[in-house]
Amino acid sequence: MARIRVRVTKEQRHQSRMAEISTSIKSITSKKQNITKEFKKGDEVEVASHEDGFVGSYYTATILSKFDANHYIVKYKTLLTDDESALQEEVTAGEVRPVPPHQDETMSEKSFRVYDIVDVYDNDGWWFGCISGKIGEEYYVYFPTTEDNIAYPSHVLRFHQEWCKCGWIPLMS
């Protein structure tokens, strides 16, 4: 039996890897987090958005009160109303997670690489994506939910982590 050799280019491998990661990110962002932690008034949290155009983004907020067993009233730190006051809204417990640990200490030890799954601070929140390339000092981040590929400096990036009842879990590419 004759062997058929298929030549795969570096670009084809890159596109294939990006497609795999994009599928993973889309499946994660489409799920709501399990309710694994009770929050109290004054706790700093991140709230996941599931609105069209905002899927895969997290916004820093403070718990104002618990509305009922499955809802909190939060006050956002960076989202404002039309009159420039901090936006307050009711959110489900499944949209709320603790603020991830700060990564400054580890960033100097480990730089970002192509295919790392990251969050990017942009437009007042953290957006979930994957590093698709690097040119100079800027990292290109691909956002599967919007299909945008945008360059950012490293100081607005952090490694993405998912919250579960046992704590923070870094996502590996």
N, C-alpha and C. Protein backbone atom coordinates (compact mmCIF):
# COMPACT_ATOMS: atom_id res chain seq x y z
N MET A 1 0.84 -1.16 0.00
CA MET A 1 0.00 0.00 0.00
C MET A 1 0.90 1.24 0.00
N ALA A 2 0.61 2.16 -0.87
CA ALA A 2 1.42 3.37 -1.00
C ALA A 2 1.06 4.39 0.08
N ARG A 3 2.08 5.03 0.60
CA ARG A 3 1.86 6.09 1.59
C ARG A 3 1.63 7.42 0.86
N ILE A 4 0.70 8.15 1.38
CA ILE A 4 0.45 9.48 0.84
C ILE A 4 0.94 10.47 1.89
N ARG A 5 1.81 11.33 1.46
CA ARG A 5 2.36 12.31 2.40
C ARG A 5 1.68 13.65 2.17
N VAL A 6 1.11 14.17 3.25
CA VAL A 6 0.44 15.47 3.18
C VAL A 6 1.34 16.48 3.87
N ARG A 7 1.65 17.53 3.17
CA ARG A 7 2.50 18.57 3.75
C ARG A 7 1.61 19.66 4.36
N VAL A 8 1.81 19.89 5.65
CA VAL A 8 1.06 20.90 6.36
C VAL A 8 2.00 22.07 6.65
N THR A 9 1.59 23.25 6.24
CA THR A 9 2.44 24.42 6.44
C THR A 9 2.33 24.91 7.88
N LYS A 10 3.29 25.74 8.24
CA LYS A 10 3.29 26.35 9.58
C LYS A 10 2.01 27.16 9.78
N GLU A 11 1.60 27.88 8.75
CA GLU A 11 0.38 28.69 8.84
C GLU A 11 -0.85 27.81 9.03
N GLN A 12 -0.92 26.66 8.36
CA GLN A 12 -2.05 25.75 8.53
C GLN A 12 -2.09 25.18 9.95
N ARG A 13 -0.92 24.86 10.51
CA ARG A 13 -0.86 24.37 11.89
C ARG A 13 -1.33 25.46 12.86
N HIS A 14 -0.88 26.69 12.59
CA HIS A 14 -1.30 27.81 13.44
C HIS A 14 -2.81 28.00 13.38
N GLN A 15 -3.37 28.00 12.18
CA GLN A 15 -4.81 28.19 12.03
C GLN A 15 -5.59 27.05 12.69
N SER A 16 -5.08 25.85 12.58
CA SER A 16 -5.73 24.70 13.22
C SER A 16 -5.72 24.82 14.74
N ARG A 17 -4.56 25.22 15.29
CA ARG A 17 -4.44 25.39 16.75
C ARG A 17 -5.35 26.51 17.25
N MET A 18 -5.41 27.61 16.51
CA MET A 18 -6.28 28.73 16.89
C MET A 18 -7.76 28.30 16.85
N ALA A 19 -8.12 27.48 15.88
CA ALA A 19 -9.50 26.99 15.79
C ALA A 19 -9.84 26.12 16.99
N GLU A 20 -8.92 25.25 17.40
CA GLU A 20 -9.15 24.40 18.58
C GLU A 20 -9.35 25.24 19.83
N ILE A 21 -8.47 26.22 20.03
CA ILE A 21 -8.55 27.08 21.21
C ILE A 21 -9.84 27.90 21.17
N SER A 22 -10.20 28.42 20.01
CA SER A 22 -11.42 29.21 19.87
C SER A 22 -12.64 28.40 20.26
N THR A 23 -12.69 27.15 19.85
CA THR A 23 -13.80 26.28 20.22
C THR A 23 -13.87 26.11 21.73
N SER A 24 -12.72 25.92 22.37
CA SER A 24 -12.68 25.77 23.82
C SER A 24 -13.17 27.03 24.52
N ILE A 25 -12.69 28.19 24.06
CA ILE A 25 -13.09 29.46 24.67
C ILE A 25 -14.59 29.68 24.50
N LYS A 26 -15.12 29.43 23.31
CA LYS A 26 -16.55 29.62 23.08
C LYS A 26 -17.38 28.72 23.99
N SER A 27 -16.93 27.49 24.24
CA SER A 27 -17.70 26.59 25.10
C SER A 27 -17.65 27.07 26.55
N ILE A 28 -16.51 27.63 26.98
CA ILE A 28 -16.40 28.13 28.35
C ILE A 28 -17.26 29.38 28.53
N THR A 29 -17.20 30.31 27.58
CA THR A 29 -17.93 31.57 27.73
C THR A 29 -19.43 31.39 27.60
N SER A 30 -19.88 30.30 26.99
CA SER A 30 -21.32 30.09 26.85
C SER A 30 -21.95 29.50 28.11
N LYS A 31 -21.12 29.01 29.02
CA LYS A 31 -21.62 28.42 30.26
C LYS A 31 -21.61 29.44 31.38
N LYS A 32 -22.60 29.34 32.24
CA LYS A 32 -22.58 30.16 33.45
C LYS A 32 -21.80 29.39 34.50
N GLN A 33 -21.11 30.11 35.35
CA GLN A 33 -20.34 29.48 36.40
C GLN A 33 -21.27 28.84 37.42
N ASN A 34 -20.79 27.77 38.02
CA ASN A 34 -21.53 27.16 39.12
C ASN A 34 -21.47 28.09 40.33
N ILE A 35 -22.51 28.09 41.10
CA ILE A 35 -22.53 28.88 42.32
C ILE A 35 -21.72 28.12 43.35
N THR A 36 -20.54 28.65 43.66
CA THR A 36 -19.64 27.92 44.54
C THR A 36 -19.20 28.73 45.74
N LYS A 37 -19.69 29.97 45.84
CA LYS A 37 -19.24 30.82 46.94
C LYS A 37 -20.36 31.79 47.29
N GLU A 38 -20.54 31.99 48.57
CA GLU A 38 -21.47 33.00 49.06
C GLU A 38 -20.72 34.31 49.21
N PHE A 39 -21.29 35.38 48.73
CA PHE A 39 -20.67 36.69 48.88
C PHE A 39 -21.48 37.52 49.86
N LYS A 40 -20.80 38.47 50.50
CA LYS A 40 -21.49 39.35 51.44
C LYS A 40 -21.27 40.81 51.03
N LYS A 41 -22.04 41.70 51.63
CA LYS A 41 -21.95 43.11 51.34
C LYS A 41 -20.50 43.59 51.48
N GLY A 42 -20.04 44.32 50.47
CA GLY A 42 -18.68 44.86 50.48
C GLY A 42 -17.65 44.01 49.76
N ASP A 43 -17.98 42.75 49.44
CA ASP A 43 -17.02 41.90 48.73
C ASP A 43 -16.78 42.43 47.32
N GLU A 44 -15.49 42.43 46.92
CA GLU A 44 -15.15 42.78 45.54
C GLU A 44 -15.26 41.52 44.70
N VAL A 45 -15.88 41.65 43.54
CA VAL A 45 -16.14 40.50 42.67
C VAL A 45 -15.93 40.90 41.22
N GLU A 46 -16.00 39.92 40.35
CA GLU A 46 -16.10 40.16 38.91
C GLU A 46 -17.42 39.57 38.45
N VAL A 47 -18.07 40.29 37.56
CA VAL A 47 -19.36 39.86 37.04
C VAL A 47 -19.20 39.56 35.55
N ALA A 48 -19.59 38.34 35.15
CA ALA A 48 -19.51 37.93 33.75
C ALA A 48 -20.72 38.47 32.99
N SER A 49 -20.47 38.98 31.80
CA SER A 49 -21.57 39.45 30.96
C SER A 49 -21.94 38.35 29.97
N HIS A 50 -23.25 38.19 29.78
CA HIS A 50 -23.74 37.23 28.79
C HIS A 50 -24.59 37.94 27.72
N GLU A 51 -24.46 39.27 27.68
CA GLU A 51 -25.18 40.05 26.68
C GLU A 51 -24.47 39.97 25.33
N ASP A 52 -25.23 40.02 24.25
CA ASP A 52 -24.64 40.00 22.91
C ASP A 52 -23.60 41.10 22.79
N GLY A 53 -22.44 40.75 22.24
CA GLY A 53 -21.36 41.69 22.07
C GLY A 53 -20.46 41.82 23.29
N PHE A 54 -20.89 41.25 24.42
CA PHE A 54 -20.11 41.34 25.66
C PHE A 54 -19.78 39.97 26.24
N VAL A 55 -20.16 38.90 25.56
CA VAL A 55 -19.88 37.55 26.04
C VAL A 55 -18.36 37.37 26.13
N GLY A 56 -17.92 36.84 27.26
CA GLY A 56 -16.49 36.65 27.46
C GLY A 56 -15.83 37.81 28.18
N SER A 57 -16.64 38.75 28.71
CA SER A 57 -16.06 39.88 29.44
C SER A 57 -16.49 39.81 30.91
N TYR A 58 -15.62 40.36 31.76
CA TYR A 58 -15.85 40.39 33.21
C TYR A 58 -15.63 41.82 33.69
N TYR A 59 -16.48 42.28 34.61
CA TYR A 59 -16.40 43.64 35.11
C TYR A 59 -16.29 43.62 36.63
N THR A 60 -15.38 44.44 37.16
CA THR A 60 -15.17 44.51 38.60
C THR A 60 -16.34 45.26 39.25
N ALA A 61 -16.82 44.70 40.36
CA ALA A 61 -17.95 45.28 41.06
C ALA A 61 -17.82 45.01 42.56
N THR A 62 -18.69 45.66 43.32
CA THR A 62 -18.78 45.44 44.76
C THR A 62 -20.19 44.95 45.07
N ILE A 63 -20.28 43.95 45.93
CA ILE A 63 -21.60 43.45 46.35
C ILE A 63 -22.23 44.49 47.27
N LEU A 64 -23.44 44.93 46.89
CA LEU A 64 -24.18 45.86 47.75
C LEU A 64 -25.10 45.10 48.69
N SER A 65 -25.71 44.02 48.15
CA SER A 65 -26.60 43.21 48.99
C SER A 65 -26.94 41.92 48.26
N LYS A 66 -27.45 40.99 49.05
CA LYS A 66 -27.96 39.75 48.47
C LYS A 66 -29.46 39.96 48.28
N PHE A 67 -29.92 39.79 47.05
CA PHE A 67 -31.33 40.06 46.72
C PHE A 67 -32.20 38.88 47.16
N ASP A 68 -31.78 37.67 46.78
CA ASP A 68 -32.43 36.43 47.22
C ASP A 68 -31.38 35.33 47.10
N ALA A 69 -31.79 34.08 47.17
CA ALA A 69 -30.83 32.97 47.17
C ALA A 69 -29.97 32.92 45.90
N ASN A 70 -30.47 33.45 44.79
CA ASN A 70 -29.75 33.35 43.52
C ASN A 70 -29.38 34.68 42.89
N HIS A 71 -29.53 35.78 43.60
CA HIS A 71 -29.27 37.10 43.01
C HIS A 71 -28.58 38.04 43.99
N TYR A 72 -27.73 38.91 43.42
CA TYR A 72 -27.06 39.96 44.18
C TYR A 72 -27.34 41.30 43.51
N ILE A 73 -27.25 42.36 44.31
CA ILE A 73 -27.22 43.72 43.76
C ILE A 73 -25.75 44.13 43.81
N VAL A 74 -25.21 44.55 42.66
CA VAL A 74 -23.80 44.94 42.58
C VAL A 74 -23.69 46.38 42.10
N LYS A 75 -22.56 46.99 42.44
CA LYS A 75 -22.22 48.32 41.95
C LYS A 75 -20.89 48.18 41.22
N TYR A 76 -20.91 48.48 39.92
CA TYR A 76 -19.71 48.33 39.10
C TYR A 76 -18.71 49.45 39.39
N LYS A 77 -17.44 49.11 39.28
CA LYS A 77 -16.38 50.10 39.50
C LYS A 77 -16.12 50.93 38.25
N THR A 78 -16.32 50.35 37.06
CA THR A 78 -15.96 51.05 35.83
C THR A 78 -17.13 51.29 34.89
N LEU A 79 -18.27 50.67 35.11
CA LEU A 79 -19.42 50.88 34.23
C LEU A 79 -20.29 51.99 34.81
N LEU A 80 -20.62 52.96 33.96
CA LEU A 80 -21.36 54.14 34.41
C LEU A 80 -22.72 54.23 33.73
N THR A 81 -23.64 54.92 34.39
CA THR A 81 -24.95 55.20 33.81
C THR A 81 -24.83 56.46 32.95
N ASP A 82 -25.91 56.84 32.32
CA ASP A 82 -25.91 58.04 31.47
C ASP A 82 -25.54 59.30 32.24
N ASP A 83 -25.86 59.36 33.55
CA ASP A 83 -25.52 60.55 34.33
C ASP A 83 -24.14 60.44 35.00
N GLU A 84 -23.32 59.47 34.52
CA GLU A 84 -21.93 59.29 34.98
C GLU A 84 -21.80 58.72 36.40
N SER A 85 -22.89 58.21 36.97
CA SER A 85 -22.78 57.55 38.28
C SER A 85 -22.52 56.06 38.04
N ALA A 86 -21.98 55.39 39.06
CA ALA A 86 -21.66 53.97 38.93
C ALA A 86 -22.93 53.15 38.72
N LEU A 87 -22.88 52.29 37.72
CA LEU A 87 -24.02 51.43 37.41
C LEU A 87 -24.24 50.42 38.52
N GLN A 88 -25.50 50.28 38.95
CA GLN A 88 -25.89 49.26 39.91
C GLN A 88 -26.92 48.38 39.23
N GLU A 89 -26.83 47.06 39.45
CA GLU A 89 -27.83 46.18 38.85
C GLU A 89 -27.91 44.87 39.61
N GLU A 90 -29.01 44.17 39.36
CA GLU A 90 -29.21 42.84 39.91
C GLU A 90 -28.57 41.83 38.96
N VAL A 91 -27.78 40.91 39.51
CA VAL A 91 -27.15 39.87 38.70
C VAL A 91 -27.39 38.52 39.35
N THR A 92 -27.32 37.47 38.55
CA THR A 92 -27.49 36.14 39.11
C THR A 92 -26.21 35.70 39.82
N ALA A 93 -26.36 34.83 40.78
CA ALA A 93 -25.20 34.33 41.52
C ALA A 93 -24.23 33.60 40.58
N GLY A 94 -24.74 32.99 39.52
CA GLY A 94 -23.89 32.28 38.57
C GLY A 94 -23.02 33.20 37.72
N GLU A 95 -23.32 34.50 37.72
CA GLU A 95 -22.52 35.47 36.96
C GLU A 95 -21.41 36.09 37.80
N VAL A 96 -21.38 35.77 39.09
CA VAL A 96 -20.46 36.41 40.03
C VAL A 96 -19.36 35.45 40.44
N ARG A 97 -18.14 35.98 40.47
CA ARG A 97 -16.99 35.20 40.95
C ARG A 97 -16.08 36.13 41.74
N PRO A 98 -15.21 35.58 42.58
CA PRO A 98 -14.25 36.45 43.28
C PRO A 98 -13.30 37.10 42.26
N VAL A 99 -12.64 38.16 42.67
CA VAL A 99 -11.62 38.78 41.82
C VAL A 99 -10.42 37.83 41.81
N PRO A 100 -9.89 37.50 40.63
CA PRO A 100 -8.73 36.60 40.57
C PRO A 100 -7.53 37.19 41.30
N PRO A 101 -6.62 36.33 41.77
CA PRO A 101 -5.42 36.84 42.43
C PRO A 101 -4.60 37.71 41.47
N HIS A 102 -3.97 38.72 42.01
CA HIS A 102 -3.14 39.63 41.21
C HIS A 102 -1.93 38.87 40.70
N GLN A 103 -1.54 39.10 39.45
CA GLN A 103 -0.48 38.33 38.83
C GLN A 103 0.82 39.09 38.64
N ASP A 104 0.96 40.29 39.18
CA ASP A 104 2.18 41.09 38.99
C ASP A 104 3.44 40.35 39.39
N GLU A 105 3.38 39.64 40.50
CA GLU A 105 4.57 38.95 41.00
C GLU A 105 5.08 37.90 40.02
N THR A 106 4.18 37.21 39.35
CA THR A 106 4.58 36.13 38.46
C THR A 106 4.86 36.61 37.04
N MET A 107 4.37 37.79 36.69
CA MET A 107 4.52 38.25 35.30
C MET A 107 5.97 38.48 34.92
N SER A 108 6.80 38.94 35.85
CA SER A 108 8.20 39.17 35.49
C SER A 108 8.95 37.85 35.27
N GLU A 109 8.44 36.79 35.87
CA GLU A 109 9.09 35.49 35.74
C GLU A 109 8.66 34.75 34.47
N LYS A 110 7.45 34.98 34.01
CA LYS A 110 6.93 34.24 32.87
C LYS A 110 6.27 35.20 31.89
N SER A 111 6.78 35.24 30.69
CA SER A 111 6.16 36.11 29.70
C SER A 111 5.10 35.32 28.94
N PHE A 112 4.28 36.05 28.22
CA PHE A 112 3.21 35.42 27.44
C PHE A 112 3.78 34.77 26.19
N ARG A 113 3.09 33.75 25.71
CA ARG A 113 3.47 33.05 24.49
C ARG A 113 2.26 32.89 23.58
N VAL A 114 2.51 32.66 22.32
CA VAL A 114 1.44 32.38 21.37
C VAL A 114 0.65 31.18 21.89
N TYR A 115 -0.67 31.28 21.80
CA TYR A 115 -1.67 30.29 22.23
C TYR A 115 -2.01 30.36 23.72
N ASP A 116 -1.33 31.22 24.50
CA ASP A 116 -1.74 31.38 25.89
C ASP A 116 -3.16 31.94 25.93
N ILE A 117 -3.95 31.44 26.86
CA ILE A 117 -5.31 31.94 27.05
C ILE A 117 -5.22 33.05 28.09
N VAL A 118 -5.70 34.22 27.72
CA VAL A 118 -5.51 35.41 28.54
C VAL A 118 -6.81 36.20 28.69
N ASP A 119 -6.77 37.14 29.62
CA ASP A 119 -7.78 38.19 29.73
C ASP A 119 -7.06 39.49 29.38
N VAL A 120 -7.77 40.38 28.68
CA VAL A 120 -7.23 41.68 28.29
C VAL A 120 -8.11 42.75 28.93
N TYR A 121 -7.47 43.73 29.60
CA TYR A 121 -8.25 44.83 30.15
C TYR A 121 -8.46 45.87 29.06
N ASP A 122 -9.71 46.02 28.63
CA ASP A 122 -10.07 46.95 27.56
C ASP A 122 -11.55 47.30 27.72
N ASN A 123 -11.92 48.49 27.34
CA ASN A 123 -13.33 48.92 27.41
C ASN A 123 -13.95 48.66 28.79
N ASP A 124 -13.21 49.01 29.84
CA ASP A 124 -13.69 48.97 31.22
C ASP A 124 -13.86 47.58 31.81
N GLY A 125 -13.38 46.54 31.14
CA GLY A 125 -13.52 45.19 31.68
C GLY A 125 -12.43 44.27 31.18
N TRP A 126 -12.47 43.04 31.68
CA TRP A 126 -11.52 41.99 31.26
C TRP A 126 -12.19 41.13 30.20
N TRP A 127 -11.53 40.97 29.05
CA TRP A 127 -12.06 40.22 27.92
C TRP A 127 -11.21 38.97 27.70
N PHE A 128 -11.88 37.84 27.52
CA PHE A 128 -11.30 36.51 27.43
C PHE A 128 -10.89 36.22 25.99
N GLY A 129 -9.61 35.88 25.76
CA GLY A 129 -9.14 35.57 24.41
C GLY A 129 -7.89 34.72 24.41
N CYS A 130 -7.24 34.65 23.27
CA CYS A 130 -6.06 33.80 23.08
C CYS A 130 -5.01 34.58 22.30
N ILE A 131 -3.76 34.49 22.75
CA ILE A 131 -2.69 35.17 22.04
C ILE A 131 -2.45 34.46 20.70
N SER A 132 -2.57 35.23 19.63
CA SER A 132 -2.42 34.66 18.29
C SER A 132 -1.09 35.01 17.64
N GLY A 133 -0.37 35.96 18.24
CA GLY A 133 0.93 36.35 17.68
C GLY A 133 1.56 37.47 18.50
N LYS A 134 2.80 37.78 18.15
CA LYS A 134 3.52 38.87 18.82
C LYS A 134 4.36 39.59 17.78
N ILE A 135 4.26 40.91 17.76
CA ILE A 135 5.09 41.73 16.90
C ILE A 135 5.68 42.83 17.77
N GLY A 136 6.99 42.84 17.88
CA GLY A 136 7.65 43.80 18.76
C GLY A 136 7.25 43.53 20.20
N GLU A 137 6.76 44.55 20.87
CA GLU A 137 6.34 44.43 22.27
C GLU A 137 4.85 44.21 22.41
N GLU A 138 4.13 44.07 21.30
CA GLU A 138 2.68 43.92 21.36
C GLU A 138 2.26 42.49 21.06
N TYR A 139 1.27 42.06 21.82
CA TYR A 139 0.69 40.73 21.65
C TYR A 139 -0.65 40.87 20.94
N TYR A 140 -0.85 40.06 19.92
CA TYR A 140 -2.14 40.03 19.23
C TYR A 140 -3.02 39.02 19.94
N VAL A 141 -4.20 39.47 20.33
CA VAL A 141 -5.15 38.61 21.04
C VAL A 141 -6.36 38.42 20.16
N TYR A 142 -6.73 37.15 19.97
CA TYR A 142 -7.90 36.79 19.18
C TYR A 142 -9.05 36.52 20.13
N PHE A 143 -10.21 37.14 19.85
CA PHE A 143 -11.41 36.97 20.66
C PHE A 143 -12.42 36.16 19.85
N PRO A 144 -12.59 34.88 20.15
CA PRO A 144 -13.49 34.03 19.35
C PRO A 144 -14.94 34.48 19.35
N THR A 145 -15.39 35.13 20.42
CA THR A 145 -16.81 35.52 20.47
C THR A 145 -17.11 36.69 19.54
N THR A 146 -16.10 37.50 19.21
CA THR A 146 -16.30 38.62 18.29
C THR A 146 -15.51 38.47 16.99
N GLU A 147 -14.59 37.51 16.98
CA GLU A 147 -13.69 37.26 15.86
C GLU A 147 -12.74 38.43 15.58
N ASP A 148 -12.47 39.24 16.62
CA ASP A 148 -11.51 40.33 16.50
C ASP A 148 -10.12 39.82 16.86
N ASN A 149 -9.10 40.40 16.25
CA ASN A 149 -7.69 40.11 16.54
C ASN A 149 -7.02 41.46 16.73
N ILE A 150 -6.68 41.80 18.00
CA ILE A 150 -6.24 43.16 18.34
C ILE A 150 -4.91 43.11 19.08
N ALA A 151 -4.03 44.08 18.80
CA ALA A 151 -2.71 44.16 19.45
C ALA A 151 -2.82 44.91 20.78
N TYR A 152 -2.10 44.38 21.80
CA TYR A 152 -2.08 45.00 23.13
C TYR A 152 -0.68 44.91 23.72
N PRO A 153 -0.33 45.88 24.58
CA PRO A 153 0.92 45.75 25.35
C PRO A 153 0.70 44.76 26.49
N SER A 154 1.77 44.18 27.00
CA SER A 154 1.64 43.13 28.01
C SER A 154 1.03 43.62 29.33
N HIS A 155 1.14 44.92 29.64
CA HIS A 155 0.63 45.39 30.94
C HIS A 155 -0.90 45.35 31.05
N VAL A 156 -1.62 45.12 29.96
CA VAL A 156 -3.08 45.00 30.05
C VAL A 156 -3.53 43.54 29.92
N LEU A 157 -2.58 42.61 29.96
CA LEU A 157 -2.90 41.18 29.86
C LEU A 157 -2.73 40.49 31.22
N ARG A 158 -3.50 39.45 31.42
CA ARG A 158 -3.30 38.53 32.55
C ARG A 158 -3.66 37.14 32.05
N PHE A 159 -3.06 36.13 32.66
CA PHE A 159 -3.41 34.76 32.31
C PHE A 159 -4.84 34.49 32.77
N HIS A 160 -5.65 33.87 31.92
CA HIS A 160 -7.03 33.59 32.28
C HIS A 160 -7.09 32.45 33.29
N GLN A 161 -8.00 32.59 34.24
CA GLN A 161 -8.25 31.56 35.24
C GLN A 161 -9.75 31.37 35.37
N GLU A 162 -10.15 30.16 35.69
CA GLU A 162 -11.56 29.87 35.95
C GLU A 162 -11.73 29.58 37.43
N TRP A 163 -12.84 30.03 37.98
CA TRP A 163 -13.15 29.83 39.39
C TRP A 163 -13.98 28.55 39.56
N CYS A 164 -13.62 27.74 40.54
CA CYS A 164 -14.44 26.59 40.93
C CYS A 164 -14.42 26.51 42.45
N LYS A 165 -15.18 25.61 43.02
CA LYS A 165 -15.28 25.56 44.48
C LYS A 165 -13.95 25.27 45.16
N CYS A 166 -13.00 24.70 44.44
CA CYS A 166 -11.69 24.41 45.04
C CYS A 166 -10.70 25.56 44.87
N GLY A 167 -11.09 26.62 44.15
CA GLY A 167 -10.21 27.79 43.97
C GLY A 167 -10.01 28.14 42.51
N TRP A 168 -8.96 28.87 42.23
CA TRP A 168 -8.66 29.35 40.88
C TRP A 168 -7.88 28.30 40.10
N ILE A 169 -8.30 28.06 38.87
CA ILE A 169 -7.64 27.10 37.99
C ILE A 169 -7.17 27.83 36.74
N PRO A 170 -5.84 27.86 36.50
CA PRO A 170 -5.36 28.50 35.26
C PRO A 170 -5.71 27.62 34.06
N LEU A 171 -6.12 28.26 32.98
CA LEU A 171 -6.41 27.50 31.74
C LEU A 171 -5.14 27.41 30.93
N MET A 172 -4.81 26.23 30.52
CA MET A 172 -3.61 26.02 29.69
C MET A 172 -4.03 25.87 28.24
N SER A 173 -3.22 26.44 27.37
CA SER A 173 -3.53 26.33 25.93
C SER A 173 -3.06 25.01 25.39
